N, C-alpha and C. Protein backbone atom coordinates (compact mmCIF):
# COMPACT_ATOMS: atom_id res chain seq x y z
N MET A 1 -93.55 96.33 -26.10
CA MET A 1 -93.67 96.61 -27.31
C MET A 1 -95.40 96.67 -27.81
N LEU A 2 -95.31 98.06 -28.06
CA LEU A 2 -96.93 98.05 -28.42
C LEU A 2 -97.29 97.70 -29.86
N ASN A 3 -98.23 96.44 -29.99
CA ASN A 3 -98.76 96.70 -31.89
C ASN A 3 -100.10 97.04 -32.08
N LEU A 4 -100.03 97.68 -33.44
CA LEU A 4 -101.27 97.68 -33.71
C LEU A 4 -101.91 96.29 -34.06
N ASN A 5 -103.17 96.27 -33.61
CA ASN A 5 -103.23 94.96 -34.38
C ASN A 5 -104.25 95.02 -34.80
N SER A 6 -105.50 95.82 -34.79
CA SER A 6 -106.43 96.03 -35.95
C SER A 6 -107.15 97.22 -35.96
N ILE A 7 -107.71 97.69 -36.71
CA ILE A 7 -108.60 98.66 -36.60
C ILE A 7 -110.09 98.26 -36.68
N MET A 8 -111.09 98.69 -36.39
CA MET A 8 -112.45 98.55 -36.32
C MET A 8 -113.17 99.52 -37.17
N ILE A 9 -114.12 99.66 -38.03
CA ILE A 9 -114.95 100.79 -38.47
C ILE A 9 -115.92 100.34 -38.73
N GLY A 10 -117.12 100.77 -37.66
CA GLY A 10 -118.60 100.60 -37.60
C GLY A 10 -119.33 101.50 -38.84
N THR A 11 -120.41 100.99 -39.53
CA THR A 11 -121.12 102.17 -39.83
C THR A 11 -122.35 100.88 -40.01
N LYS A 12 -123.39 102.43 -40.75
CA LYS A 12 -124.42 101.51 -41.03
C LYS A 12 -125.08 101.33 -43.28
N GLN A 13 -123.47 101.70 -43.63
CA GLN A 13 -123.23 101.21 -44.75
C GLN A 13 -122.39 100.47 -45.22
N PRO A 14 -122.33 99.05 -44.88
CA PRO A 14 -120.84 98.25 -44.87
C PRO A 14 -120.91 98.30 -46.30
N THR A 15 -121.70 98.47 -47.21
CA THR A 15 -121.57 97.16 -48.76
C THR A 15 -120.73 99.11 -49.45
N VAL A 16 -120.71 100.53 -48.85
CA VAL A 16 -120.61 101.44 -49.70
C VAL A 16 -118.66 101.54 -49.24
N LEU A 17 -118.62 101.53 -47.68
CA LEU A 17 -117.67 101.49 -47.23
C LEU A 17 -116.53 100.76 -47.59
N VAL A 18 -117.49 99.10 -47.75
CA VAL A 18 -116.54 97.97 -48.31
C VAL A 18 -115.68 98.42 -49.75
N ALA A 19 -116.64 98.67 -50.36
CA ALA A 19 -116.29 98.97 -52.18
C ALA A 19 -115.35 99.81 -51.87
N PHE A 20 -115.09 101.41 -50.85
CA PHE A 20 -113.87 102.26 -51.28
C PHE A 20 -112.88 101.45 -50.70
N TYR A 21 -112.83 100.92 -49.47
CA TYR A 21 -111.31 100.32 -48.95
C TYR A 21 -111.10 99.03 -50.08
N GLU A 22 -111.63 98.13 -50.53
CA GLU A 22 -111.89 97.93 -51.87
C GLU A 22 -110.82 98.17 -53.03
N LYS A 23 -111.18 99.36 -53.09
CA LYS A 23 -110.81 100.29 -54.50
C LYS A 23 -109.08 101.02 -53.74
N ALA A 24 -109.31 101.51 -52.90
CA ALA A 24 -108.16 101.92 -51.91
C ALA A 24 -107.11 100.84 -51.71
N LEU A 25 -107.34 99.49 -51.62
CA LEU A 25 -106.11 98.63 -51.19
C LEU A 25 -105.70 97.43 -52.38
N GLY A 26 -106.99 97.91 -52.74
CA GLY A 26 -106.57 97.05 -54.27
C GLY A 26 -106.83 96.04 -54.68
N LYS A 27 -107.94 95.78 -53.93
CA LYS A 27 -107.64 94.11 -53.59
C LYS A 27 -109.28 93.87 -52.47
N PRO A 28 -109.63 92.83 -52.93
CA PRO A 28 -111.23 92.79 -51.98
C PRO A 28 -111.17 91.88 -50.58
N ALA A 29 -111.90 91.93 -50.11
CA ALA A 29 -111.79 91.58 -48.21
C ALA A 29 -111.23 90.07 -48.21
N ASP A 30 -110.19 89.63 -47.53
CA ASP A 30 -109.87 88.81 -47.21
C ASP A 30 -110.49 87.94 -46.39
N PHE A 31 -111.27 88.74 -45.77
CA PHE A 31 -112.19 87.82 -44.67
C PHE A 31 -114.09 88.36 -45.10
N VAL A 32 -114.80 87.94 -45.17
CA VAL A 32 -116.36 88.27 -46.03
C VAL A 32 -117.18 87.22 -44.79
N ASP A 33 -117.97 87.83 -44.03
CA ASP A 33 -119.35 87.20 -43.57
C ASP A 33 -119.96 88.18 -43.47
N PRO A 34 -121.37 88.33 -44.48
CA PRO A 34 -122.03 89.32 -44.81
C PRO A 34 -123.52 88.88 -44.21
N SER A 35 -123.59 87.95 -44.08
CA SER A 35 -124.59 88.01 -43.04
C SER A 35 -124.70 88.08 -41.10
N ASN A 36 -122.92 88.26 -41.15
CA ASN A 36 -122.93 89.06 -39.60
C ASN A 36 -122.44 90.68 -40.34
N GLY A 37 -122.54 90.96 -41.19
CA GLY A 37 -121.90 92.70 -41.41
C GLY A 37 -120.54 92.34 -41.02
N PHE A 38 -119.17 91.95 -41.70
CA PHE A 38 -117.99 91.96 -41.20
C PHE A 38 -117.03 91.83 -43.06
N TRP A 39 -116.49 92.76 -42.70
CA TRP A 39 -115.41 92.00 -44.03
C TRP A 39 -114.33 93.03 -43.09
N GLY A 40 -113.41 91.93 -43.55
CA GLY A 40 -111.74 92.12 -43.54
C GLY A 40 -110.43 92.22 -44.17
N TRP A 41 -109.44 92.59 -43.76
CA TRP A 41 -108.46 93.20 -44.67
C TRP A 41 -107.38 92.70 -43.75
N GLN A 42 -106.42 92.08 -44.75
CA GLN A 42 -104.90 92.07 -43.68
C GLN A 42 -104.22 92.82 -44.12
N VAL A 43 -103.44 94.05 -43.81
CA VAL A 43 -103.00 95.10 -43.92
C VAL A 43 -101.52 95.00 -42.95
N GLY A 44 -100.29 94.32 -43.78
CA GLY A 44 -99.30 94.28 -43.06
C GLY A 44 -99.57 93.32 -41.98
N SER A 45 -99.24 93.46 -40.78
CA SER A 45 -98.80 92.61 -39.80
C SER A 45 -100.71 92.74 -38.68
N ALA A 46 -101.28 93.65 -39.05
CA ALA A 46 -102.71 94.26 -38.08
C ALA A 46 -104.03 93.67 -39.56
N PHE A 47 -105.17 94.29 -39.23
CA PHE A 47 -106.26 94.05 -39.82
C PHE A 47 -107.11 95.14 -40.19
N LEU A 48 -107.32 95.50 -41.12
CA LEU A 48 -108.38 96.95 -41.06
C LEU A 48 -110.25 95.85 -41.09
N SER A 49 -111.24 96.35 -40.58
CA SER A 49 -112.42 95.19 -40.10
C SER A 49 -113.38 96.66 -40.87
N VAL A 50 -114.22 96.27 -41.39
CA VAL A 50 -115.74 97.39 -41.37
C VAL A 50 -116.88 96.06 -41.14
N LEU A 51 -117.31 97.20 -39.93
CA LEU A 51 -118.86 96.13 -39.61
C LEU A 51 -120.22 96.74 -39.23
N GLU A 52 -120.83 96.60 -39.63
CA GLU A 52 -122.65 97.18 -39.78
C GLU A 52 -122.82 97.16 -38.20
N HIS A 53 -122.91 98.41 -38.11
CA HIS A 53 -123.46 98.91 -37.31
C HIS A 53 -124.57 100.05 -36.98
N SER A 54 -125.88 99.18 -36.87
CA SER A 54 -127.31 99.44 -37.03
C SER A 54 -127.39 101.00 -35.95
N ALA A 55 -126.83 101.27 -35.15
CA ALA A 55 -126.79 102.31 -33.87
C ALA A 55 -126.11 103.44 -34.35
N ILE A 56 -125.55 103.79 -35.52
CA ILE A 56 -124.67 104.68 -36.17
C ILE A 56 -125.16 105.47 -36.97
N GLU A 57 -125.85 106.75 -36.54
CA GLU A 57 -126.60 108.10 -37.61
C GLU A 57 -125.84 108.91 -37.36
N GLY A 58 -126.06 109.58 -38.18
CA GLY A 58 -125.83 111.11 -37.84
C GLY A 58 -124.33 111.34 -37.87
N SER A 59 -124.11 112.67 -37.09
CA SER A 59 -122.64 112.83 -36.36
C SER A 59 -122.67 112.80 -34.86
N THR A 60 -121.46 112.70 -34.41
CA THR A 60 -121.52 112.14 -33.33
C THR A 60 -119.92 112.29 -32.02
N LYS A 61 -120.39 112.77 -30.84
CA LYS A 61 -119.52 113.22 -30.00
C LYS A 61 -118.37 112.16 -29.52
N GLU A 62 -118.88 110.93 -29.53
CA GLU A 62 -117.62 109.60 -29.12
C GLU A 62 -117.43 108.83 -30.19
N PRO A 63 -116.18 108.49 -29.82
CA PRO A 63 -115.49 107.86 -30.65
C PRO A 63 -116.05 106.36 -31.23
N GLY A 64 -117.49 106.19 -31.08
CA GLY A 64 -117.41 104.56 -31.30
C GLY A 64 -117.49 104.13 -32.83
N ARG A 65 -117.41 104.43 -33.55
CA ARG A 65 -117.20 104.28 -35.04
C ARG A 65 -115.99 103.88 -35.12
N VAL A 66 -114.96 104.00 -34.55
CA VAL A 66 -113.41 103.26 -35.18
C VAL A 66 -112.68 102.95 -33.77
N MET A 67 -112.38 101.72 -33.46
CA MET A 67 -111.68 101.11 -32.94
C MET A 67 -110.31 100.91 -33.32
N PHE A 68 -109.28 101.62 -32.45
CA PHE A 68 -108.27 100.97 -32.98
C PHE A 68 -107.53 99.93 -31.66
N ASN A 69 -107.19 98.68 -31.96
CA ASN A 69 -106.64 97.85 -31.20
C ASN A 69 -105.34 97.36 -30.36
N PHE A 70 -104.70 97.57 -30.19
CA PHE A 70 -103.64 97.54 -29.63
C PHE A 70 -103.12 96.26 -28.94
N GLU A 71 -102.09 95.91 -28.48
CA GLU A 71 -101.55 94.59 -28.51
C GLU A 71 -100.25 94.58 -27.99
N THR A 72 -99.74 93.99 -26.86
CA THR A 72 -98.52 94.06 -26.26
C THR A 72 -98.28 92.56 -25.09
N ASP A 73 -97.21 92.10 -25.18
CA ASP A 73 -96.94 90.46 -24.17
C ASP A 73 -96.45 91.21 -22.87
N GLN A 74 -96.30 93.07 -22.42
CA GLN A 74 -95.99 93.75 -21.38
C GLN A 74 -96.95 94.13 -20.69
N ALA A 75 -98.41 93.09 -20.83
CA ALA A 75 -99.42 94.36 -20.11
C ALA A 75 -98.98 93.63 -18.72
N SER A 76 -98.95 92.97 -18.14
CA SER A 76 -98.71 92.80 -16.73
C SER A 76 -97.68 93.77 -15.81
N SER A 77 -96.59 94.20 -16.45
CA SER A 77 -95.58 95.36 -16.39
C SER A 77 -96.41 96.53 -16.08
N VAL A 78 -97.32 96.37 -17.47
CA VAL A 78 -97.98 98.42 -17.37
C VAL A 78 -98.86 97.73 -15.76
N LEU A 79 -99.73 96.36 -16.07
CA LEU A 79 -100.44 97.12 -14.89
C LEU A 79 -100.21 97.16 -13.57
N ILE A 80 -98.62 96.47 -13.51
CA ILE A 80 -97.98 96.69 -11.99
C ILE A 80 -97.64 97.72 -12.32
N ALA A 81 -96.51 98.83 -13.05
CA ALA A 81 -96.22 100.19 -13.10
C ALA A 81 -97.19 100.63 -12.36
N ARG A 82 -98.77 100.75 -12.43
CA ARG A 82 -99.52 101.24 -12.56
C ARG A 82 -100.00 100.98 -10.74
N THR A 83 -99.42 100.53 -10.02
CA THR A 83 -99.74 100.15 -9.06
C THR A 83 -98.42 100.64 -7.87
N PRO A 84 -98.86 101.30 -6.88
CA PRO A 84 -97.73 101.88 -6.36
C PRO A 84 -96.70 100.40 -5.47
N PRO A 85 -95.67 100.65 -5.40
CA PRO A 85 -94.70 99.38 -4.89
C PRO A 85 -95.16 99.53 -3.14
N ASN A 86 -95.47 100.58 -3.00
CA ASN A 86 -95.31 101.01 -1.06
C ASN A 86 -96.32 101.71 -1.10
N PRO A 87 -97.32 101.10 0.21
CA PRO A 87 -98.05 102.79 0.16
C PRO A 87 -97.29 103.36 1.04
N PRO A 88 -97.99 104.73 0.54
CA PRO A 88 -97.49 106.50 0.80
C PRO A 88 -97.51 106.33 2.24
N ALA A 89 -96.05 106.95 2.71
CA ALA A 89 -96.28 107.27 3.78
C ALA A 89 -96.95 108.10 4.58
N GLN A 90 -97.39 107.66 6.08
CA GLN A 90 -97.93 108.82 6.60
C GLN A 90 -97.23 109.86 7.20
N PRO A 91 -98.12 110.84 7.65
CA PRO A 91 -96.90 111.72 8.35
C PRO A 91 -97.09 111.57 9.53
N THR A 92 -95.61 111.94 10.37
CA THR A 92 -95.18 111.28 11.60
C THR A 92 -95.42 112.99 12.39
N SER A 93 -95.91 114.00 12.13
CA SER A 93 -95.82 115.05 12.76
C SER A 93 -97.18 114.96 13.33
N SER A 94 -97.77 115.64 14.78
CA SER A 94 -99.29 116.11 14.70
C SER A 94 -100.11 116.63 14.18
N HIS A 95 -99.34 117.26 13.72
CA HIS A 95 -100.44 118.60 12.60
C HIS A 95 -100.63 118.32 11.46
N GLY A 96 -99.96 117.28 10.53
CA GLY A 96 -100.46 116.46 9.16
C GLY A 96 -100.51 117.77 7.78
N CYS A 97 -99.56 118.57 8.20
CA CYS A 97 -99.70 119.87 7.43
C CYS A 97 -99.06 119.07 5.72
N GLY A 98 -98.34 117.91 6.03
CA GLY A 98 -98.17 117.53 4.51
C GLY A 98 -96.43 118.52 4.13
N THR A 99 -96.48 119.77 4.30
CA THR A 99 -95.60 120.30 3.41
C THR A 99 -94.34 120.45 4.52
N CYS A 100 -94.20 120.68 5.90
CA CYS A 100 -93.19 120.67 6.44
C CYS A 100 -92.30 119.80 6.65
N SER A 101 -91.07 119.64 6.77
CA SER A 101 -90.29 118.31 6.86
C SER A 101 -90.43 117.42 7.74
N ALA A 102 -90.90 117.60 9.01
CA ALA A 102 -91.64 116.29 10.03
C ALA A 102 -92.59 115.66 9.08
N CYS A 103 -93.80 116.50 7.99
CA CYS A 103 -94.84 115.92 7.53
C CYS A 103 -94.18 114.77 6.25
N GLN A 104 -93.26 115.55 5.52
CA GLN A 104 -92.81 115.03 4.62
C GLN A 104 -91.85 113.44 4.56
N ARG A 105 -91.55 112.88 5.78
CA ARG A 105 -90.87 111.61 6.10
C ARG A 105 -91.54 110.59 5.88
């Protein structure tokens, strides 16, 4: 099963964004560490975090401002599923075209 663990938002103006989320969520941040530029809220079973990020400026093509973190207890199954159980069979014919019935064995 895949679960949303947290959403992290990077910004150069964390206090402005924190004020917005405090109003939107109707409560102050549950976790606060302004000296390290961090504010966070427990939202259901996930966390919403605002982080000061000095390298954020203007518009960007890269998705570095928002990160979604998911967790699963099936990570080993995912890794195993991506690894073929057996190497692909090599063509047995001498010409190796890969399309004739001899090469597909």
